Amino acid sequence: MEKRVGSAVILIESHENVQLLNEIISKHSQIVIGRLGLPRGNGQSVISLVLEGTTDQIGSLTGQLGRLSGIQVKSVLLKNM
């Protein structure tokens, strides 16, 4: 299956599931190229992930993250040239 390069932006609105979020990201570490976390003054945090993997792998990661309460995730994928 063809690999894609992409990015996922994660908004943490509630910190109740942060441990689960980190476990899920660690479980998918083979597709994570980079990670940047930024705290915000309003109690929310933002994590940006740069990813490279198949659409199934990236979909598995973002799907699991999206099911956590207090977490929003959006992703964008590009064809790998």
N, C-alpha and C. Protein backbone atom coordinates (compact mmCIF):
# COMPACT_ATOMS: atom_id res chain seq x y z
N MET A 1 0.84 -1.18 0.00
CA MET A 1 0.00 0.00 0.00
C MET A 1 0.89 1.25 0.00
N GLU A 2 0.46 2.25 -0.72
CA GLU A 2 1.23 3.49 -0.88
C GLU A 2 1.26 4.31 0.42
N LYS A 3 2.46 4.80 0.75
CA LYS A 3 2.58 5.65 1.93
C LYS A 3 2.24 7.09 1.59
N ARG A 4 1.77 7.79 2.60
CA ARG A 4 1.42 9.20 2.47
C ARG A 4 2.16 9.99 3.54
N VAL A 5 2.38 11.25 3.27
CA VAL A 5 2.90 12.19 4.26
C VAL A 5 1.74 13.06 4.68
N GLY A 6 1.66 13.35 5.96
CA GLY A 6 0.55 14.17 6.42
C GLY A 6 0.83 14.79 7.77
N SER A 7 -0.19 15.45 8.26
CA SER A 7 -0.11 16.12 9.55
C SER A 7 -1.42 15.92 10.29
N ALA A 8 -1.32 15.81 11.59
CA ALA A 8 -2.51 15.75 12.45
C ALA A 8 -2.38 16.84 13.50
N VAL A 9 -3.42 17.62 13.67
CA VAL A 9 -3.46 18.65 14.70
C VAL A 9 -4.44 18.18 15.77
N ILE A 10 -3.98 18.16 17.01
CA ILE A 10 -4.76 17.65 18.12
C ILE A 10 -4.99 18.78 19.11
N LEU A 11 -6.25 19.05 19.42
CA LEU A 11 -6.61 20.05 20.42
C LEU A 11 -7.05 19.31 21.68
N ILE A 12 -6.35 19.58 22.77
CA ILE A 12 -6.68 18.97 24.06
C ILE A 12 -7.47 19.99 24.86
N GLU A 13 -8.77 19.73 24.98
CA GLU A 13 -9.66 20.64 25.70
C GLU A 13 -9.76 20.27 27.17
N SER A 14 -9.59 18.99 27.46
CA SER A 14 -9.65 18.48 28.82
C SER A 14 -8.50 17.50 29.00
N HIS A 15 -7.81 17.60 30.13
CA HIS A 15 -6.62 16.78 30.34
C HIS A 15 -6.90 15.41 30.95
N GLU A 16 -8.16 15.00 31.02
CA GLU A 16 -8.51 13.73 31.64
C GLU A 16 -7.99 12.52 30.86
N ASN A 17 -7.83 12.63 29.54
CA ASN A 17 -7.39 11.50 28.72
C ASN A 17 -6.00 11.68 28.10
N VAL A 18 -5.19 12.56 28.67
CA VAL A 18 -3.87 12.83 28.11
C VAL A 18 -2.98 11.59 28.17
N GLN A 19 -3.09 10.82 29.25
CA GLN A 19 -2.27 9.59 29.35
C GLN A 19 -2.64 8.61 28.24
N LEU A 20 -3.92 8.43 27.98
CA LEU A 20 -4.36 7.55 26.89
C LEU A 20 -3.90 8.09 25.54
N LEU A 21 -3.98 9.40 25.35
CA LEU A 21 -3.52 10.04 24.12
C LEU A 21 -2.05 9.71 23.88
N ASN A 22 -1.22 9.88 24.90
CA ASN A 22 0.21 9.60 24.75
C ASN A 22 0.48 8.12 24.49
N GLU A 23 -0.31 7.23 25.10
CA GLU A 23 -0.15 5.79 24.85
C GLU A 23 -0.49 5.45 23.40
N ILE A 24 -1.56 6.05 22.88
CA ILE A 24 -1.95 5.80 21.49
C ILE A 24 -0.89 6.31 20.53
N ILE A 25 -0.37 7.51 20.77
CA ILE A 25 0.69 8.06 19.91
C ILE A 25 1.92 7.17 19.97
N SER A 26 2.30 6.70 21.16
CA SER A 26 3.46 5.82 21.31
C SER A 26 3.26 4.51 20.56
N LYS A 27 2.04 3.98 20.61
CA LYS A 27 1.72 2.73 19.92
C LYS A 27 1.89 2.87 18.40
N HIS A 28 1.70 4.09 17.89
CA HIS A 28 1.83 4.36 16.46
C HIS A 28 3.14 5.09 16.13
N SER A 29 4.14 4.96 16.98
CA SER A 29 5.38 5.74 16.82
C SER A 29 6.11 5.45 15.52
N GLN A 30 5.87 4.30 14.88
CA GLN A 30 6.55 3.98 13.63
C GLN A 30 6.13 4.90 12.48
N ILE A 31 5.00 5.59 12.63
CA ILE A 31 4.57 6.50 11.55
C ILE A 31 4.75 7.98 11.94
N VAL A 32 5.20 8.25 13.17
CA VAL A 32 5.37 9.63 13.62
C VAL A 32 6.79 10.09 13.29
N ILE A 33 6.89 11.10 12.44
CA ILE A 33 8.18 11.69 12.07
C ILE A 33 8.56 12.77 13.07
N GLY A 34 7.58 13.57 13.50
CA GLY A 34 7.85 14.67 14.42
C GLY A 34 6.62 15.00 15.25
N ARG A 35 6.89 15.62 16.40
CA ARG A 35 5.80 15.99 17.32
C ARG A 35 6.15 17.33 17.95
N LEU A 36 5.17 18.23 17.99
CA LEU A 36 5.35 19.53 18.62
C LEU A 36 4.14 19.79 19.51
N GLY A 37 4.38 20.05 20.78
CA GLY A 37 3.31 20.34 21.71
C GLY A 37 3.40 21.77 22.21
N LEU A 38 2.25 22.46 22.25
CA LEU A 38 2.21 23.85 22.68
C LEU A 38 1.11 24.05 23.71
N PRO A 39 1.45 24.50 24.92
CA PRO A 39 0.40 24.84 25.88
C PRO A 39 -0.21 26.19 25.52
N ARG A 40 -1.46 26.36 25.85
CA ARG A 40 -2.12 27.65 25.61
C ARG A 40 -2.55 28.21 26.95
N GLY A 41 -2.71 29.51 27.04
CA GLY A 41 -3.06 30.17 28.28
C GLY A 41 -4.45 29.88 28.80
N ASN A 42 -5.31 29.35 27.96
CA ASN A 42 -6.70 29.09 28.35
C ASN A 42 -6.90 27.68 28.92
N GLY A 43 -5.83 26.96 29.23
CA GLY A 43 -5.94 25.61 29.77
C GLY A 43 -5.97 24.52 28.71
N GLN A 44 -6.05 24.91 27.45
CA GLN A 44 -6.02 23.94 26.37
C GLN A 44 -4.59 23.78 25.88
N SER A 45 -4.32 22.70 25.19
CA SER A 45 -3.02 22.45 24.58
C SER A 45 -3.22 22.00 23.14
N VAL A 46 -2.19 22.21 22.32
CA VAL A 46 -2.22 21.78 20.93
C VAL A 46 -1.00 20.91 20.66
N ILE A 47 -1.22 19.78 20.01
CA ILE A 47 -0.13 18.92 19.57
C ILE A 47 -0.22 18.81 18.05
N SER A 48 0.90 18.99 17.39
CA SER A 48 0.97 18.81 15.94
C SER A 48 1.88 17.62 15.65
N LEU A 49 1.40 16.67 14.86
CA LEU A 49 2.18 15.50 14.48
C LEU A 49 2.46 15.53 12.98
N VAL A 50 3.69 15.22 12.59
CA VAL A 50 4.02 15.01 11.19
C VAL A 50 4.11 13.50 11.03
N LEU A 51 3.37 12.98 10.04
CA LEU A 51 3.21 11.54 9.90
C LEU A 51 3.63 11.06 8.52
N GLU A 52 4.08 9.80 8.45
CA GLU A 52 4.31 9.13 7.17
C GLU A 52 3.90 7.68 7.34
N GLY A 53 2.89 7.28 6.59
CA GLY A 53 2.40 5.91 6.67
C GLY A 53 1.28 5.71 5.68
N THR A 54 0.72 4.51 5.69
CA THR A 54 -0.40 4.22 4.81
C THR A 54 -1.64 4.92 5.35
N THR A 55 -2.64 5.05 4.50
CA THR A 55 -3.88 5.68 4.95
C THR A 55 -4.52 4.87 6.07
N ASP A 56 -4.36 3.56 6.05
CA ASP A 56 -4.89 2.71 7.12
C ASP A 56 -4.19 3.00 8.45
N GLN A 57 -2.87 3.12 8.42
CA GLN A 57 -2.11 3.39 9.65
C GLN A 57 -2.47 4.76 10.22
N ILE A 58 -2.51 5.77 9.36
CA ILE A 58 -2.83 7.13 9.82
C ILE A 58 -4.28 7.19 10.29
N GLY A 59 -5.17 6.53 9.58
CA GLY A 59 -6.57 6.49 9.98
C GLY A 59 -6.77 5.79 11.32
N SER A 60 -5.99 4.75 11.58
CA SER A 60 -6.07 4.06 12.87
C SER A 60 -5.67 5.00 14.00
N LEU A 61 -4.57 5.72 13.82
CA LEU A 61 -4.10 6.67 14.84
C LEU A 61 -5.14 7.77 15.07
N THR A 62 -5.58 8.44 14.02
CA THR A 62 -6.50 9.56 14.20
C THR A 62 -7.87 9.10 14.68
N GLY A 63 -8.29 7.92 14.26
CA GLY A 63 -9.57 7.39 14.71
C GLY A 63 -9.58 7.10 16.20
N GLN A 64 -8.50 6.49 16.70
CA GLN A 64 -8.40 6.21 18.13
C GLN A 64 -8.34 7.49 18.94
N LEU A 65 -7.59 8.47 18.45
CA LEU A 65 -7.50 9.75 19.16
C LEU A 65 -8.84 10.47 19.17
N GLY A 66 -9.54 10.43 18.05
CA GLY A 66 -10.82 11.13 17.92
C GLY A 66 -11.91 10.59 18.82
N ARG A 67 -11.76 9.34 19.28
CA ARG A 67 -12.75 8.75 20.17
C ARG A 67 -12.56 9.13 21.64
N LEU A 68 -11.46 9.80 21.96
CA LEU A 68 -11.21 10.22 23.34
C LEU A 68 -12.01 11.48 23.66
N SER A 69 -12.64 11.50 24.82
CA SER A 69 -13.40 12.70 25.18
C SER A 69 -12.44 13.82 25.56
N GLY A 70 -12.81 15.04 25.20
CA GLY A 70 -11.98 16.20 25.48
C GLY A 70 -10.85 16.40 24.49
N ILE A 71 -10.84 15.60 23.40
CA ILE A 71 -9.78 15.65 22.39
C ILE A 71 -10.43 15.84 21.02
N GLN A 72 -9.92 16.80 20.25
CA GLN A 72 -10.32 16.97 18.85
C GLN A 72 -9.11 16.72 17.98
N VAL A 73 -9.31 16.10 16.83
CA VAL A 73 -8.19 15.83 15.93
C VAL A 73 -8.65 16.04 14.48
N LYS A 74 -7.78 16.67 13.71
CA LYS A 74 -7.99 16.85 12.27
C LYS A 74 -6.69 16.49 11.58
N SER A 75 -6.81 15.85 10.42
CA SER A 75 -5.60 15.45 9.69
C SER A 75 -5.72 15.83 8.22
N VAL A 76 -4.56 15.94 7.60
CA VAL A 76 -4.47 16.20 6.16
C VAL A 76 -3.35 15.30 5.63
N LEU A 77 -3.59 14.70 4.47
CA LEU A 77 -2.62 13.80 3.87
C LEU A 77 -2.25 14.25 2.46
N LEU A 78 -1.00 14.04 2.11
CA LEU A 78 -0.51 14.34 0.78
C LEU A 78 0.05 13.05 0.17
N LYS A 79 0.04 12.98 -1.14
CA LYS A 79 0.69 11.84 -1.80
C LYS A 79 2.19 11.98 -1.63
N ASN A 80 2.85 10.89 -1.33
CA ASN A 80 4.29 10.88 -1.20
C ASN A 80 4.91 10.71 -2.59
N MET A 81 5.68 11.68 -3.03
CA MET A 81 6.27 11.64 -4.38
C MET A 81 7.55 10.85 -4.39
